[in-house]
Amino acid sequence: MKIKVGDMVQVIRGKDRGVTGKVVSVDHAKNKLLIEGVNMVYKHVKPSQRNPQGGRLHKEMPIHASTVMALCPKTNQPTRIGYRYLEDGSKERFARSSDTSMGLVSPPKSAYTKN
C-alpha cells in the first residue's frame, strides 16, 4: 500500500466523498485506513467501570484504501503515488501529477546509484 500514516488523503467514494483528512493508522492485512473525521459512526456501549454511564460513542471506523486518494503536497489535489530511485541510490515516494517528492522510503543503496 502506497499510503502511509500521516499522509493527507481525500475520500473519492461513499458517503464522505470529498472529505479530506489525515491518516491515523494503516491495516495492511485488510487494506484499510483509519482517517481523522471520516466514516464517523455511533457505537453503543453498556455501562462498565471504564465507562460508568454507557451510552453512544461517536467514533471513526476504518475504510478501504481504494476509496481514498493521496493529496499532492504542492497542488493540494488528489493524485496517484509513485516510487523512484534518486541519483544517490535512495528511494522516494512522489506525486505523479506534479512530480513532487513525498519523502524518502529507504536510505541510499550502492546497487541503485547512477554513474
Protein backbone atom coordinates (compact mmCIF):
# COMPACT_ATOMS: atom_id res chain seq x y z
CA MET A 1 0.00 0.00 0.00
CA LYS A 2 1.44 3.36 -1.01
CA ILE A 3 -0.44 5.45 1.54
CA LYS A 4 1.35 5.87 4.88
CA VAL A 5 0.44 7.14 8.35
CA GLY A 6 0.44 10.95 8.40
CA ASP A 7 -0.50 11.40 4.71
CA MET A 8 -3.31 13.77 3.82
CA VAL A 9 -5.96 11.96 1.76
CA GLN A 10 -9.29 12.75 0.12
CA VAL A 11 -12.24 10.34 0.04
CA ILE A 12 -13.34 9.72 -3.58
CA ARG A 13 -16.28 7.32 -2.97
CA GLY A 14 -19.01 6.75 -0.43
CA LYS A 15 -20.99 8.87 1.99
CA ASP A 16 -17.95 11.02 2.92
CA ARG A 17 -17.00 11.79 -0.68
CA GLY A 18 -14.87 14.94 -0.96
CA VAL A 19 -13.81 14.99 2.70
CA THR A 20 -10.08 15.33 3.42
CA GLY A 21 -8.28 14.06 6.50
CA LYS A 22 -5.04 12.76 7.93
CA VAL A 23 -4.31 9.01 8.04
CA VAL A 24 -4.16 7.84 11.67
CA SER A 25 -3.46 4.13 11.15
CA VAL A 26 -3.00 1.61 8.33
CA ASP A 27 -4.03 -2.07 8.37
CA HIS A 28 -2.01 -3.73 5.62
CA ALA A 29 -3.62 -7.16 6.10
CA LYS A 30 -7.17 -5.86 5.50
CA ASN A 31 -6.12 -2.97 3.18
CA LYS A 32 -7.96 -0.45 5.39
CA LEU A 33 -7.20 3.04 6.67
CA LEU A 34 -8.37 5.00 9.71
CA ILE A 35 -8.75 8.68 8.81
CA GLU A 36 -9.47 11.63 11.13
CA GLY A 37 -13.10 12.71 10.90
CA VAL A 38 -14.10 10.23 8.18
CA ASN A 39 -16.65 7.39 8.45
CA MET A 40 -17.97 8.51 11.84
CA VAL A 41 -20.39 6.03 13.46
CA TYR A 42 -22.20 5.66 16.78
CA LYS A 43 -21.02 2.77 18.93
CA HIS A 44 -23.46 1.73 21.66
CA VAL A 45 -21.68 0.71 24.85
CA LYS A 46 -23.01 -0.83 28.05
CA PRO A 47 -22.08 0.78 31.35
CA SER A 48 -18.78 -0.54 32.75
CA GLN A 49 -16.08 0.55 35.19
CA ARG A 50 -14.24 2.28 32.36
CA ASN A 51 -17.38 3.99 31.07
CA PRO A 52 -19.83 4.11 34.01
CA GLN A 53 -22.59 5.96 32.19
CA GLY A 54 -22.55 3.93 28.96
CA GLY A 55 -24.45 5.37 26.00
CA ARG A 56 -23.40 6.18 22.46
CA LEU A 57 -19.81 6.94 21.47
CA HIS A 58 -19.12 8.83 18.25
CA LYS A 59 -16.00 7.28 16.69
CA GLU A 60 -14.17 6.79 13.40
CA MET A 61 -14.19 3.42 11.65
CA PRO A 62 -11.71 2.16 9.04
CA ILE A 63 -12.44 2.50 5.31
CA HIS A 64 -10.97 0.61 2.37
CA ALA A 65 -7.82 2.06 0.82
CA SER A 66 -9.33 2.04 -2.68
CA THR A 67 -11.85 4.72 -1.65
CA VAL A 68 -9.21 7.39 -0.98
CA MET A 69 -6.51 9.22 -2.94
CA ALA A 70 -3.44 10.95 -1.54
CA LEU A 71 -3.28 14.73 -1.79
CA CYS A 72 -0.36 16.32 -3.63
CA PRO A 73 1.69 18.48 -1.23
CA LYS A 74 2.21 21.12 -3.94
CA THR A 75 -1.25 21.49 -5.54
CA ASN A 76 -3.43 20.02 -2.76
CA GLN A 77 -5.29 17.95 -5.39
CA PRO A 78 -5.85 14.15 -5.39
CA THR A 79 -3.01 12.29 -7.08
CA ARG A 80 -1.53 8.86 -7.51
CA ILE A 81 1.74 7.98 -5.78
CA GLY A 82 4.82 6.54 -7.44
CA TYR A 83 8.27 5.38 -6.36
CA ARG A 84 11.63 6.26 -7.91
CA TYR A 85 15.34 5.99 -7.17
CA LEU A 86 17.38 9.17 -6.88
CA GLU A 87 20.94 9.77 -8.09
CA ASP A 88 22.46 8.71 -4.76
CA GLY A 89 20.50 5.42 -4.73
CA SER A 90 17.86 6.38 -2.18
CA LYS A 91 14.22 5.54 -2.85
CA GLU A 92 11.47 8.16 -2.58
CA ARG A 93 7.71 8.49 -2.98
CA PHE A 94 6.44 11.18 -5.33
CA ALA A 95 3.16 12.65 -6.51
CA ARG A 96 2.64 11.61 -10.12
CA SER A 97 0.58 14.67 -11.07
CA SER A 98 3.16 17.31 -10.11
CA ASP A 99 6.34 15.22 -9.74
CA THR A 100 6.71 16.50 -6.15
CA SER A 101 8.59 14.47 -3.55
CA MET A 102 6.55 12.98 -0.69
CA GLY A 103 9.54 11.82 1.38
CA LEU A 104 12.23 9.16 1.35
CA VAL A 105 11.33 5.49 1.72
CA SER A 106 14.77 3.92 2.11
CA PRO A 107 18.34 5.14 2.58
CA PRO A 108 20.88 5.12 -0.27
CA LYS A 109 21.90 1.72 -1.62
CA SER A 110 25.01 1.26 -3.74
CA ALA A 111 23.19 -1.09 -6.16
CA TYR A 112 20.87 1.73 -7.28
CA THR A 113 23.36 4.60 -7.64
CA LYS A 114 23.54 6.13 -11.08
CA ASN A 115 27.02 6.50 -12.55
